[in-house]
Amino acid sequence: MTTLLSTSTTTTTTTTMTTTMTLSSPPEPKVGFMSLPLELRFQIYSLLLTIPPRPNAESTSHDMAACNSEAPVYVHPAILLASRQINWEATPFLYSENMFVAHPTLLASFPRLRSWYPPMREANALVPLIHRFHVQVPLDVELPYDRAAVAKSFTGVDELSLDLRQSVFLSVSCNNLTLFDAVRGVNKVYISGSTTGFEDYIAWLKDAMTSPIGAEVAPFEAQTQSPWASIWSKHSNLWSPSTALVGKQEA
């Protein structure tokens, strides 16, 4: 009788201790996305919201823009809808870290992320967040914008990539590039494509566009005669960048 009572008492005590330990044990912490370190979340945002290659000082215009890649790479903006905090943290990766393609007519006011994406519908609110632009500049047709529109679109951006195009090699001069000579305050400028024959002007234009906002830049003066000048001189409809700049100064 005493043995049975002792066994019953021991069992009850053990059960009580087990219950007490279970109730007093702290709950295991829940591991969620926002519990990750900020640096790790930034790495995830970069993987989801930026299109490689990432712009850097060593990149060429072709490497950075990748506008017509045969294998499109897509971003995953759905993460921006997860919460207000995630939206606030991740939005700069989508708009400030990517290089956007300027519209052929409306320039920075209606850009797109890449050729396989439609133009931005919320451009008025989001364009101020974009710091990098790629512009395709045809040299052999009249451009549908003027110097004022170009300066308004690209002055003060972090990076500007110009891709010069013409249908026939050495068919025209770089007259269309003079529309970019009022741009100022750009940190990095990349100019590639049909640059043969006016390398001196491109060097001057880069210096002008990277000058501080509001800075006065001396007009372009050719240091050497281009070896292609004899070809352009045979076409009365062509005029040199220096001629264009002199005309603007006189106006």
C-alpha atoms as a PDB file:
ATOM      1  CA  MET A   1       0.000   0.000   0.000  1.00  0.00           C
ATOM      2  CA  THR A   2       2.788   2.372   0.929  1.00  0.00           C
ATOM      3  CA  THR A   3       4.729   1.428  -2.219  1.00  0.00           C
ATOM      4  CA  LEU A   4       1.781   2.180  -4.467  1.00  0.00           C
ATOM      5  CA  LEU A   5       1.238   5.571  -2.811  1.00  0.00           C
ATOM      6  CA  SER A   6       4.907   6.442  -3.187  1.00  0.00           C
ATOM      7  CA  THR A   7       4.897   5.540  -6.883  1.00  0.00           C
ATOM      8  CA  SER A   8       1.764   7.604  -7.480  1.00  0.00           C
ATOM      9  CA  THR A   9       3.283  10.584  -5.719  1.00  0.00           C
ATOM     10  CA  THR A  10       6.507  10.360  -7.756  1.00  0.00           C
ATOM     11  CA  THR A  11       4.589  10.201 -11.012  1.00  0.00           C
ATOM     12  CA  THR A  12       2.491  13.219 -10.110  1.00  0.00           C
ATOM     13  CA  THR A  13       5.590  15.204  -9.112  1.00  0.00           C
ATOM     14  CA  THR A  14       7.389  14.345 -12.365  1.00  0.00           C
ATOM     15  CA  THR A  15       4.357  15.353 -14.433  1.00  0.00           C
ATOM     16  CA  THR A  16       4.090  18.648 -12.552  1.00  0.00           C
ATOM     17  CA  MET A  17       7.783  19.446 -13.093  1.00  0.00           C
ATOM     18  CA  THR A  18       7.553  18.612 -16.761  1.00  0.00           C
ATOM     19  CA  THR A  19       4.487  20.827 -17.169  1.00  0.00           C
ATOM     20  CA  THR A  20       6.188  23.665 -15.289  1.00  0.00           C
ATOM     21  CA  MET A  21       9.322  23.435 -17.442  1.00  0.00           C
ATOM     22  CA  THR A  22       7.237  23.400 -20.610  1.00  0.00           C
ATOM     23  CA  LEU A  23       5.294  26.494 -19.572  1.00  0.00           C
ATOM     24  CA  SER A  24       8.364  28.395 -18.455  1.00  0.00           C
ATOM     25  CA  SER A  25      10.480  27.673 -21.575  1.00  0.00           C
ATOM     26  CA  PRO A  26      10.662  30.739 -23.853  1.00  0.00           C
ATOM     27  CA  PRO A  27       9.068  30.272 -27.299  1.00  0.00           C
ATOM     28  CA  GLU A  28      11.420  29.774 -30.202  1.00  0.00           C
ATOM     29  CA  PRO A  29      11.876  33.048 -32.143  1.00  0.00           C
ATOM     30  CA  LYS A  30      10.252  33.219 -35.541  1.00  0.00           C
ATOM     31  CA  VAL A  31      12.719  33.693 -38.394  1.00  0.00           C
ATOM     32  CA  GLY A  32      11.328  35.972 -41.112  1.00  0.00           C
ATOM     33  CA  PHE A  33      12.692  38.106 -43.958  1.00  0.00           C
ATOM     34  CA  MET A  34      12.826  41.278 -41.874  1.00  0.00           C
ATOM     35  CA  SER A  35      14.858  39.482 -39.201  1.00  0.00           C
ATOM     36  CA  LEU A  36      17.725  39.114 -41.662  1.00  0.00           C
ATOM     37  CA  PRO A  37      20.615  41.594 -41.398  1.00  0.00           C
ATOM     38  CA  LEU A  38      20.136  44.723 -43.509  1.00  0.00           C
ATOM     39  CA  GLU A  39      23.226  43.929 -45.605  1.00  0.00           C
ATOM     40  CA  LEU A  40      21.766  40.539 -46.514  1.00  0.00           C
ATOM     41  CA  ARG A  41      18.403  42.077 -47.424  1.00  0.00           C
ATOM     42  CA  PHE A  42      20.230  44.557 -49.671  1.00  0.00           C
ATOM     43  CA  GLN A  43      21.945  41.676 -51.466  1.00  0.00           C
ATOM     44  CA  ILE A  44      18.554  40.047 -52.059  1.00  0.00           C
ATOM     45  CA  TYR A  45      17.080  43.310 -53.381  1.00  0.00           C
ATOM     46  CA  SER A  46      20.011  43.666 -55.752  1.00  0.00           C
ATOM     47  CA  LEU A  47      19.524  40.151 -57.126  1.00  0.00           C
ATOM     48  CA  LEU A  48      15.791  40.636 -57.618  1.00  0.00           C
ATOM     49  CA  LEU A  49      15.627  44.221 -58.857  1.00  0.00           C
ATOM     50  CA  THR A  50      18.751  44.997 -60.886  1.00  0.00           C
ATOM     51  CA  ILE A  51      19.686  43.869 -64.373  1.00  0.00           C
ATOM     52  CA  PRO A  52      23.340  42.960 -64.887  1.00  0.00           C
ATOM     53  CA  PRO A  53      25.829  44.140 -65.805  1.00  0.00           C
ATOM     54  CA  ARG A  54      25.854  46.698 -63.032  1.00  0.00           C
ATOM     55  CA  PRO A  55      27.250  50.105 -64.074  1.00  0.00           C
ATOM     56  CA  ASN A  56      30.744  50.886 -62.856  1.00  0.00           C
ATOM     57  CA  ALA A  57      33.647  53.103 -63.782  1.00  0.00           C
ATOM     58  CA  GLU A  58      35.321  50.401 -65.884  1.00  0.00           C
ATOM     59  CA  SER A  59      32.216  49.434 -67.869  1.00  0.00           C
ATOM     60  CA  THR A  60      31.775  50.428 -71.485  1.00  0.00           C
ATOM     61  CA  SER A  61      28.576  51.876 -72.878  1.00  0.00           C
ATOM     62  CA  HIS A  62      27.744  48.550 -74.518  1.00  0.00           C
ATOM     63  CA  ASP A  63      28.342  46.580 -71.331  1.00  0.00           C
ATOM     64  CA  MET A  64      26.243  48.874 -69.190  1.00  0.00           C
ATOM     65  CA  ALA A  65      23.244  49.397 -71.422  1.00  0.00           C
ATOM     66  CA  ALA A  66      22.682  45.879 -72.780  1.00  0.00           C
ATOM     67  CA  CYS A  67      19.575  47.277 -74.427  1.00  0.00           C
ATOM     68  CA  ASN A  68      19.122  44.664 -77.124  1.00  0.00           C
ATOM     69  CA  SER A  69      20.272  41.487 -75.440  1.00  0.00           C
ATOM     70  CA  GLU A  70      19.158  38.291 -77.153  1.00  0.00           C
ATOM     71  CA  ALA A  71      18.523  36.720 -73.730  1.00  0.00           C
ATOM     72  CA  PRO A  72      16.368  39.202 -71.770  1.00  0.00           C
ATOM     73  CA  VAL A  73      16.929  39.347 -68.023  1.00  0.00           C
ATOM     74  CA  TYR A  74      13.910  40.316 -65.968  1.00  0.00           C
ATOM     75  CA  VAL A  75      13.501  41.986 -62.603  1.00  0.00           C
ATOM     76  CA  HIS A  76      11.039  40.825 -59.936  1.00  0.00           C
ATOM     77  CA  PRO A  77       9.305  43.931 -58.567  1.00  0.00           C
ATOM     78  CA  ALA A  78       6.580  41.954 -56.727  1.00  0.00           C
ATOM     79  CA  ILE A  79       8.739  42.135 -53.604  1.00  0.00           C
ATOM     80  CA  LEU A  80       7.956  45.863 -53.427  1.00  0.00           C
ATOM     81  CA  LEU A  81       4.353  44.946 -52.507  1.00  0.00           C
ATOM     82  CA  ALA A  82       5.330  42.829 -49.503  1.00  0.00           C
ATOM     83  CA  SER A  83       5.294  45.700 -47.002  1.00  0.00           C
ATOM     84  CA  ARG A  84       5.897  49.426 -46.701  1.00  0.00           C
ATOM     85  CA  GLN A  85       9.266  48.828 -45.067  1.00  0.00           C
ATOM     86  CA  ILE A  86      10.443  46.540 -47.870  1.00  0.00           C
ATOM     87  CA  ASN A  87       9.129  48.976 -50.474  1.00  0.00           C
ATOM     88  CA  TRP A  88      11.086  51.811 -48.836  1.00  0.00           C
ATOM     89  CA  GLU A  89      14.292  49.762 -48.650  1.00  0.00           C
ATOM     90  CA  ALA A  90      14.113  48.137 -52.094  1.00  0.00           C
ATOM     91  CA  THR A  91      12.781  50.883 -54.394  1.00  0.00           C
ATOM     92  CA  PRO A  92      16.214  52.563 -54.876  1.00  0.00           C
ATOM     93  CA  PHE A  93      17.626  49.284 -56.190  1.00  0.00           C
ATOM     94  CA  LEU A  94      15.055  49.180 -58.998  1.00  0.00           C
ATOM     95  CA  TYR A  95      15.232  52.808 -60.077  1.00  0.00           C
ATOM     96  CA  SER A  96      18.553  54.263 -58.875  1.00  0.00           C
ATOM     97  CA  GLU A  97      20.854  51.294 -59.515  1.00  0.00           C
ATOM     98  CA  ASN A  98      19.611  50.351 -63.002  1.00  0.00           C
ATOM     99  CA  MET A  99      20.410  52.159 -66.231  1.00  0.00           C
ATOM    100  CA  PHE A 100      17.201  53.152 -68.034  1.00  0.00           C
ATOM    101  CA  VAL A 101      16.760  53.608 -71.785  1.00  0.00           C
ATOM    102  CA  ALA A 102      15.660  57.124 -72.707  1.00  0.00           C
ATOM    103  CA  HIS A 103      12.644  57.499 -74.984  1.00  0.00           C
ATOM    104  CA  PRO A 104      13.628  58.337 -78.598  1.00  0.00           C
ATOM    105  CA  THR A 105      11.376  61.409 -78.543  1.00  0.00           C
ATOM    106  CA  LEU A 106      10.487  62.227 -74.925  1.00  0.00           C
ATOM    107  CA  LEU A 107      13.916  61.356 -73.481  1.00  0.00           C
ATOM    108  CA  ALA A 108      13.926  61.068 -69.668  1.00  0.00           C
ATOM    109  CA  SER A 109      10.233  61.853 -69.269  1.00  0.00           C
ATOM    110  CA  PHE A 110       9.142  58.443 -70.632  1.00  0.00           C
ATOM    111  CA  PRO A 111      12.000  55.939 -70.137  1.00  0.00           C
ATOM    112  CA  ARG A 112      11.967  52.151 -70.038  1.00  0.00           C
ATOM    113  CA  LEU A 113      14.126  49.695 -68.146  1.00  0.00           C
ATOM    114  CA  ARG A 114      15.064  47.709 -71.263  1.00  0.00           C
ATOM    115  CA  SER A 115      13.723  47.247 -74.777  1.00  0.00           C
ATOM    116  CA  TRP A 116      11.606  44.267 -73.670  1.00  0.00           C
ATOM    117  CA  TYR A 117       9.852  46.376 -71.001  1.00  0.00           C
ATOM    118  CA  PRO A 118       7.165  48.982 -71.771  1.00  0.00           C
ATOM    119  CA  PRO A 119       7.835  52.647 -70.936  1.00  0.00           C
ATOM    120  CA  MET A 120       7.172  53.695 -67.352  1.00  0.00           C
ATOM    121  CA  ARG A 121       3.587  54.773 -66.770  1.00  0.00           C
ATOM    122  CA  GLU A 122       4.397  56.508 -63.477  1.00  0.00           C
ATOM    123  CA  ALA A 123       7.245  58.489 -64.998  1.00  0.00           C
ATOM    124  CA  ASN A 124       6.404  61.840 -63.376  1.00  0.00           C
ATOM    125  CA  ALA A 125       6.764  60.443 -59.867  1.00  0.00           C
ATOM    126  CA  LEU A 126       9.574  57.963 -60.467  1.00  0.00           C
ATOM    127  CA  VAL A 127      11.930  59.671 -62.956  1.00  0.00           C
ATOM    128  CA  PRO A 128      13.583  61.715 -60.162  1.00  0.00           C
ATOM    129  CA  LEU A 129      14.727  58.388 -58.688  1.00  0.00           C
ATOM    130  CA  ILE A 130      16.541  57.383 -61.904  1.00  0.00           C
ATOM    131  CA  HIS A 131      20.213  58.354 -61.948  1.00  0.00           C
ATOM    132  CA  ARG A 132      21.492  56.476 -65.022  1.00  0.00           C
ATOM    133  CA  PHE A 133      20.342  56.842 -68.633  1.00  0.00           C
ATOM    134  CA  HIS A 134      21.242  55.278 -71.961  1.00  0.00           C
ATOM    135  CA  VAL A 135      20.448  57.288 -75.107  1.00  0.00           C
ATOM    136  CA  GLN A 136      20.638  56.109 -78.689  1.00  0.00           C
ATOM    137  CA  VAL A 137      21.565  59.107 -80.841  1.00  0.00           C
ATOM    138  CA  PRO A 138      21.086  58.782 -84.612  1.00  0.00           C
ATOM    139  CA  LEU A 139      23.494  61.064 -86.445  1.00  0.00           C
ATOM    140  CA  ASP A 140      21.931  60.951 -89.898  1.00  0.00           C
ATOM    141  CA  VAL A 141      18.351  62.099 -89.159  1.00  0.00           C
ATOM    142  CA  GLU A 142      16.878  65.224 -87.619  1.00  0.00           C
ATOM    143  CA  LEU A 143      16.355  64.722 -83.910  1.00  0.00           C
ATOM    144  CA  PRO A 144      12.831  65.316 -82.508  1.00  0.00           C
ATOM    145  CA  TYR A 145      14.095  67.256 -79.465  1.00  0.00           C
ATOM    146  CA  ASP A 146      16.246  70.327 -78.811  1.00  0.00           C
ATOM    147  CA  ARG A 147      19.141  71.341 -76.567  1.00  0.00           C
ATOM    148  CA  ALA A 148      16.816  72.581 -73.807  1.00  0.00           C
ATOM    149  CA  ALA A 149      15.018  69.243 -73.597  1.00  0.00           C
ATOM    150  CA  VAL A 150      18.313  67.359 -73.483  1.00  0.00           C
ATOM    151  CA  ALA A 151      19.719  69.591 -70.745  1.00  0.00           C
ATOM    152  CA  LYS A 152      16.533  69.276 -68.680  1.00  0.00           C
ATOM    153  CA  SER A 153      16.538  65.480 -68.991  1.00  0.00           C
ATOM    154  CA  PHE A 154      20.159  64.679 -68.209  1.00  0.00           C
ATOM    155  CA  THR A 155      21.779  67.503 -66.246  1.00  0.00           C
ATOM    156  CA  GLY A 156      22.919  66.228 -62.865  1.00  0.00           C
ATOM    157  CA  VAL A 157      22.498  62.478 -63.483  1.00  0.00           C
ATOM    158  CA  ASP A 158      25.085  60.020 -62.171  1.00  0.00           C
ATOM    159  CA  GLU A 159      25.801  58.291 -65.484  1.00  0.00           C
ATOM    160  CA  LEU A 160      24.949  59.015 -69.108  1.00  0.00           C
ATOM    161  CA  SER A 161      25.636  56.583 -71.932  1.00  0.00           C
ATOM    162  CA  LEU A 162      25.358  57.801 -75.549  1.00  0.00           C
ATOM    163  CA  ASP A 163      25.241  55.238 -78.346  1.00  0.00           C
ATOM    164  CA  LEU A 164      25.905  56.993 -81.682  1.00  0.00           C
ATOM    165  CA  ARG A 165      24.343  55.465 -84.796  1.00  0.00           C
ATOM    166  CA  GLN A 166      24.407  56.155 -88.546  1.00  0.00           C
ATOM    167  CA  SER A 167      23.233  53.932 -91.358  1.00  0.00           C
ATOM    168  CA  VAL A 168      26.312  54.473 -93.558  1.00  0.00           C
ATOM    169  CA  PHE A 169      29.876  54.712 -92.248  1.00  0.00           C
ATOM    170  CA  LEU A 170      31.132  58.324 -92.274  1.00  0.00           C
ATOM    171  CA  SER A 171      27.942  59.498 -93.958  1.00  0.00           C
ATOM    172  CA  VAL A 172      27.501  62.543 -91.686  1.00  0.00           C
ATOM    173  CA  SER A 173      29.328  64.684 -89.149  1.00  0.00           C
ATOM    174  CA  CYS A 174      28.495  64.807 -85.436  1.00  0.00           C
ATOM    175  CA  ASN A 175      26.162  67.785 -85.719  1.00  0.00           C
ATOM    176  CA  ASN A 176      23.430  66.033 -83.698  1.00  0.00           C
ATOM    177  CA  LEU A 177      25.783  65.712 -80.744  1.00  0.00           C
ATOM    178  CA  THR A 178      25.784  69.488 -80.310  1.00  0.00           C
ATOM    179  CA  LEU A 179      22.316  69.136 -78.750  1.00  0.00           C
ATOM    180  CA  PHE A 180      24.033  67.597 -75.718  1.00  0.00           C
ATOM    181  CA  ASP A 181      26.540  70.404 -75.170  1.00  0.00           C
ATOM    182  CA  ALA A 182      24.386  72.175 -72.556  1.00  0.00           C
ATOM    183  CA  VAL A 183      24.244  69.155 -70.230  1.00  0.00           C
ATOM    184  CA  ARG A 184      26.210  69.685 -67.026  1.00  0.00           C
ATOM    185  CA  GLY A 185      26.924  67.959 -63.727  1.00  0.00           C
ATOM    186  CA  VAL A 186      27.102  64.347 -64.983  1.00  0.00           C
ATOM    187  CA  ASN A 187      29.439  62.176 -62.923  1.00  0.00           C
ATOM    188  CA  LYS A 188      30.292  59.656 -65.650  1.00  0.00           C
ATOM    189  CA  VAL A 189      29.808  59.926 -69.428  1.00  0.00           C
ATOM    190  CA  TYR A 190      30.221  57.065 -71.901  1.00  0.00           C
ATOM    191  CA  ILE A 191      30.081  57.684 -75.666  1.00  0.00           C
ATOM    192  CA  SER A 192      30.381  54.776 -78.064  1.00  0.00           C
ATOM    193  CA  GLY A 193      29.234  53.643 -81.507  1.00  0.00           C
ATOM    194  CA  SER A 194      29.915  55.725 -84.634  1.00  0.00           C
ATOM    195  CA  THR A 195      32.586  57.973 -83.156  1.00  0.00           C
ATOM    196  CA  THR A 196      35.122  57.813 -85.994  1.00  0.00           C
ATOM    197  CA  GLY A 197      36.142  61.206 -87.345  1.00  0.00           C
ATOM    198  CA  PHE A 198      35.190  63.433 -84.436  1.00  0.00           C
ATOM    199  CA  GLU A 199      37.127  62.058 -81.502  1.00  0.00           C
ATOM    200  CA  ASP A 200      38.308  65.565 -80.496  1.00  0.00           C
ATOM    201  CA  TYR A 201      34.749  66.829 -80.233  1.00  0.00           C
ATOM    202  CA  ILE A 202      33.681  63.821 -78.175  1.00  0.00           C
ATOM    203  CA  ALA A 203      36.536  64.445 -75.724  1.00  0.00           C
ATOM    204  CA  TRP A 204      35.455  68.100 -75.429  1.00  0.00           C
ATOM    205  CA  LEU A 205      31.802  67.093 -74.997  1.00  0.00           C
ATOM    206  CA  LYS A 206      32.655  64.683 -72.178  1.00  0.00           C
ATOM    207  CA  ASP A 207      34.526  67.440 -70.372  1.00  0.00           C
ATOM    208  CA  ALA A 208      31.607  69.826 -70.881  1.00  0.00           C
ATOM    209  CA  MET A 209      28.972  67.389 -69.600  1.00  0.00           C
ATOM    210  CA  THR A 210      31.019  66.479 -66.521  1.00  0.00           C
ATOM    211  CA  SER A 211      31.588  70.151 -65.649  1.00  0.00           C
ATOM    212  CA  PRO A 212      29.670  71.493 -62.622  1.00  0.00           C
ATOM    213  CA  ILE A 213      26.104  72.649 -63.141  1.00  0.00           C
ATOM    214  CA  GLY A 214      26.101  76.270 -64.249  1.00  0.00           C
ATOM    215  CA  ALA A 215      29.742  76.222 -65.348  1.00  0.00           C
ATOM    216  CA  GLU A 216      30.723  78.165 -68.463  1.00  0.00           C
ATOM    217  CA  VAL A 217      32.600  75.983 -70.940  1.00  0.00           C
ATOM    218  CA  ALA A 218      34.797  77.394 -73.695  1.00  0.00           C
ATOM    219  CA  PRO A 219      33.489  76.650 -77.216  1.00  0.00           C
ATOM    220  CA  PHE A 220      34.947  73.687 -79.013  1.00  0.00           C
ATOM    221  CA  GLU A 221      37.996  74.346 -81.160  1.00  0.00           C
ATOM    222  CA  ALA A 222      39.395  71.529 -83.246  1.00  0.00           C
ATOM    223  CA  GLN A 223      43.022  70.806 -82.377  1.00  0.00           C
ATOM    224  CA  THR A 224      43.758  68.772 -85.500  1.00  0.00           C
ATOM    225  CA  GLN A 225      42.174  68.384 -88.896  1.00  0.00           C
ATOM    226  CA  SER A 226      40.085  65.232 -89.095  1.00  0.00           C
ATOM    227  CA  PRO A 227      41.323  62.792 -91.774  1.00  0.00           C
ATOM    228  CA  TRP A 228      37.680  62.456 -92.814  1.00  0.00           C
ATOM    229  CA  ALA A 229      37.121  66.198 -93.341  1.00  0.00           C
ATOM    230  CA  SER A 230      37.671  65.895 -97.090  1.00  0.00           C
ATOM    231  CA  ILE A 231      34.762  63.450 -97.304  1.00  0.00           C
ATOM    232  CA  TRP A 232      32.375  65.674 -95.363  1.00  0.00           C
ATOM    233  CA  SER A 233      33.408  68.804 -97.262  1.00  0.00           C
ATOM    234  CA  LYS A 234      31.991  67.319-100.470  1.00  0.00           C
ATOM    235  CA  HIS A 235      28.479  67.375 -99.032  1.00  0.00           C
ATOM    236  CA  SER A 236      26.955  70.830 -98.732  1.00  0.00           C
ATOM    237  CA  ASN A 237      24.299  69.634 -96.281  1.00  0.00           C
ATOM    238  CA  LEU A 238      26.881  68.710 -93.643  1.00  0.00           C
ATOM    239  CA  TRP A 239      28.391  71.134 -91.133  1.00  0.00           C
ATOM    240  CA  SER A 240      30.988  70.709 -88.444  1.00  0.00           C
ATOM    241  CA  PRO A 241      30.422  70.935 -84.682  1.00  0.00           C
ATOM    242  CA  SER A 242      32.628  74.023 -84.471  1.00  0.00           C
ATOM    243  CA  THR A 243      30.480  75.819 -87.058  1.00  0.00           C
ATOM    244  CA  ALA A 244      27.348  74.924 -85.079  1.00  0.00           C
ATOM    245  CA  LEU A 245      28.795  76.220 -81.826  1.00  0.00           C
ATOM    246  CA  VAL A 246      29.972  79.482 -83.387  1.00  0.00           C
ATOM    247  CA  GLY A 247      26.504  80.049 -84.778  1.00  0.00           C
ATOM    248  CA  LYS A 248      24.942  79.514 -81.362  1.00  0.00           C
ATOM    249  CA  GLN A 249      27.346  81.955 -79.714  1.00  0.00           C
ATOM    250  CA  GLU A 250      26.494  84.640 -82.276  1.00  0.00           C
ATOM    251  CA  ALA A 251      22.755  84.015 -81.817  1.00  0.00           C
END
